[in-house]
Every structure is written in structure tokens, then in C-alpha cells.
């Protein structure tokens, strides 16, 4: 049983440029791990023009930043995950989650996720191709 990924770009707002949110199995993992007021990465960073997205999975493991709290990642930490392809499986693992406050205990990280590689690649390609958010100031 594979997890399901949907990549959504949120329209720019008064405080942030267009940002990306990651829905896995119907849940917004950024909101779940970063709390209300946090944000996902900027669309321009994870869906760049003219080069492949860092979301693309390869055999080489790499850590990606998926979100940060309202106080900024420099204060409480970032939501990060290691992305790696194992044949026909893309794995998200080794989560790091921001603390709700410097004195709070570490929150429980999301579970390891496994995506069907062809569906994962198709979703990343769809998100890379959909540039609607570049039309907004």
C-alpha cells in the first residue's frame, strides 16, 4: 500500500509569496507538523523555472525543507525530510520537525512515507508544469 501525494501551490498573500503545501493521504503535512501560522516552502524554490524541482527523487538521498513555523525556521527549526528513490519506490524519511517553542519537547515526527515512483514523478511533473502562481504579483 503506497501513500498518495498531492502538491498544491497556495496563492500569494499579504505576508508570503506563493507557497507549496504537501497533502499526503488527504492530510496537509505542513499544517500538521508546523502548526497554524506556519508556511510551506516558496513555490519559486521547489518548483523553479528552467531546472528540475528538488522534489524529484533520485537514488542519492537528500534533505528537503518542506515548511517552517510562523516564528521562522531560524528560531524553532524547519520541517525537513530525506527524499530518496529505491527502484520503484520514493521514500520520505528521517523527518525533522520544528519545536512549538524553545522550551517545549520535540514534537513527534510524521511517519515514514512510501510513494509509487511513477505516480510520484507524475505529481511532481504536474506541479512543475502548472505555473499559474507566476501570473500573480
Protein backbone atom coordinates (compact mmCIF):
# COMPACT_ATOMS: atom_id res chain seq x y z
CA UNK A 1 0.00 0.00 0.00
CA UNK A 2 1.53 3.28 -1.15
CA UNK A 3 0.94 6.74 0.24
CA UNK A 4 -0.69 9.34 -2.02
CA UNK A 5 0.91 12.75 -2.63
CA UNK A 6 -0.76 15.91 -3.90
CA UNK A 7 1.31 19.07 -4.33
CA UNK A 8 -0.69 22.30 -4.01
CA UNK A 9 0.51 25.83 -4.62
CA UNK A 10 -1.22 28.45 -2.48
CA UNK A 11 -1.79 31.90 -3.91
CA UNK A 12 0.49 34.67 -2.70
CA UNK A 13 -0.81 36.51 0.33
CA UNK A 14 -0.04 39.70 2.23
CA UNK A 15 2.85 38.08 4.14
CA UNK A 16 4.23 35.42 1.81
CA UNK A 17 4.91 34.71 -1.85
CA UNK A 18 3.18 31.66 -3.37
CA UNK A 19 3.96 28.65 -1.23
CA UNK A 20 3.70 24.91 -1.66
CA UNK A 21 1.79 22.54 0.58
CA UNK A 22 2.05 18.78 0.52
CA UNK A 23 -1.10 16.73 1.03
CA UNK A 24 -0.37 13.10 1.85
CA UNK A 25 -3.28 10.71 2.12
CA UNK A 26 -5.65 13.69 2.38
CA UNK A 27 -3.73 15.49 5.16
CA UNK A 28 -1.73 18.71 4.88
CA UNK A 29 1.57 17.54 6.37
CA UNK A 30 2.95 21.07 6.67
CA UNK A 31 -0.03 22.22 8.73
CA UNK A 32 0.12 19.08 10.87
CA UNK A 33 3.82 19.44 11.67
CA UNK A 34 4.37 23.21 11.58
CA UNK A 35 1.16 24.39 13.26
CA UNK A 36 -1.23 27.16 12.37
CA UNK A 37 0.52 30.23 11.04
CA UNK A 38 3.44 28.31 9.56
CA UNK A 39 4.19 28.07 5.89
CA UNK A 40 5.41 25.68 3.27
CA UNK A 41 8.39 26.39 1.04
CA UNK A 42 8.11 29.09 -1.59
CA UNK A 43 6.91 27.81 -4.94
CA UNK A 44 9.82 29.50 -6.71
CA UNK A 45 12.25 27.43 -4.62
CA UNK A 46 10.70 23.98 -5.03
CA UNK A 47 9.19 24.47 -8.50
CA UNK A 48 11.93 26.54 -10.17
CA UNK A 49 11.78 27.66 -13.78
CA UNK A 50 14.36 26.18 -16.13
CA UNK A 51 15.65 23.39 -13.91
CA UNK A 52 14.21 20.28 -12.26
CA UNK A 53 12.47 20.57 -8.93
CA UNK A 54 14.44 19.48 -5.85
CA UNK A 55 11.34 17.38 -5.10
CA UNK A 56 12.42 14.98 -7.84
CA UNK A 57 13.64 11.80 -6.18
CA UNK A 58 16.93 10.15 -7.11
CA UNK A 59 18.97 7.26 -5.73
CA UNK A 60 21.01 9.84 -3.82
CA UNK A 61 19.32 10.78 -0.55
CA UNK A 62 18.86 14.49 0.09
CA UNK A 63 17.23 16.53 2.80
CA UNK A 64 14.50 18.93 1.70
CA UNK A 65 12.89 21.76 3.62
CA UNK A 66 9.09 21.46 3.49
CA UNK A 67 7.98 24.13 5.96
CA UNK A 68 8.69 26.45 8.84
CA UNK A 69 6.73 27.89 11.76
CA UNK A 70 5.42 31.44 11.92
CA UNK A 71 8.40 32.47 14.08
CA UNK A 72 10.74 31.33 11.23
CA UNK A 73 12.86 28.23 10.94
CA UNK A 74 15.85 30.10 12.37
CA UNK A 75 14.03 30.27 15.69
CA UNK A 76 12.29 26.92 16.15
CA UNK A 77 13.62 24.81 13.29
CA UNK A 78 12.33 23.69 9.91
CA UNK A 79 10.17 20.80 8.79
CA UNK A 80 12.58 18.71 6.72
CA UNK A 81 12.57 15.22 5.24
CA UNK A 82 15.06 12.97 3.45
CA UNK A 83 13.83 12.08 -0.05
CA UNK A 84 15.26 9.06 -1.84
CA UNK A 85 14.29 6.70 -4.66
CA UNK A 86 14.64 2.95 -4.20
CA UNK A 87 13.76 1.47 -7.59
CA UNK A 88 10.00 1.93 -8.00
CA UNK A 89 9.54 3.44 -4.53
CA UNK A 90 10.13 7.02 -3.38
CA UNK A 91 10.69 7.24 0.35
CA UNK A 92 10.31 10.25 2.64
CA UNK A 93 12.03 9.51 5.95
CA UNK A 94 14.16 10.90 8.77
CA UNK A 95 11.84 13.82 9.48
CA UNK A 96 12.95 16.83 11.49
CA UNK A 97 10.13 18.94 12.89
CA UNK A 98 10.16 22.44 14.41
CA UNK A 99 9.55 22.87 18.12
CA UNK A 100 6.39 24.80 19.06
CA UNK A 101 8.60 26.84 21.44
CA UNK A 102 12.22 26.62 22.58
CA UNK A 103 11.16 25.13 25.93
CA UNK A 104 8.74 22.55 24.54
CA UNK A 105 9.76 18.93 23.97
CA UNK A 106 10.44 17.77 20.44
CA UNK A 107 7.16 17.05 18.64
CA UNK A 108 6.52 13.62 17.20
CA UNK A 109 7.70 13.50 13.56
CA UNK A 110 5.47 12.27 10.72
CA UNK A 111 5.69 8.60 9.78
CA UNK A 112 7.98 7.36 7.04
CA UNK A 113 6.15 7.63 3.72
CA UNK A 114 6.39 5.43 0.62
CA UNK A 115 5.13 6.54 -2.79
CA UNK A 116 4.81 4.64 -6.05
CA UNK A 117 7.67 6.22 -8.04
CA UNK A 118 5.74 6.63 -11.30
CA UNK A 119 2.83 8.39 -9.55
CA UNK A 120 5.23 10.50 -7.52
CA UNK A 121 7.11 11.55 -10.67
CA UNK A 122 3.82 12.38 -12.40
CA UNK A 123 2.68 14.58 -9.49
CA UNK A 124 5.98 16.47 -9.37
CA UNK A 125 5.90 16.94 -13.17
CA UNK A 126 2.29 18.21 -12.95
CA UNK A 127 3.26 20.73 -10.26
CA UNK A 128 6.33 21.85 -12.25
CA UNK A 129 4.21 22.43 -15.37
CA UNK A 130 1.37 24.33 -13.64
CA UNK A 131 2.80 27.87 -13.44
CA UNK A 132 -0.45 29.74 -12.62
CA UNK A 133 1.10 31.24 -9.49
CA UNK A 134 3.69 33.14 -11.55
CA UNK A 135 0.88 35.26 -13.02
CA UNK A 136 0.10 36.76 -9.59
CA UNK A 137 2.14 39.63 -8.12
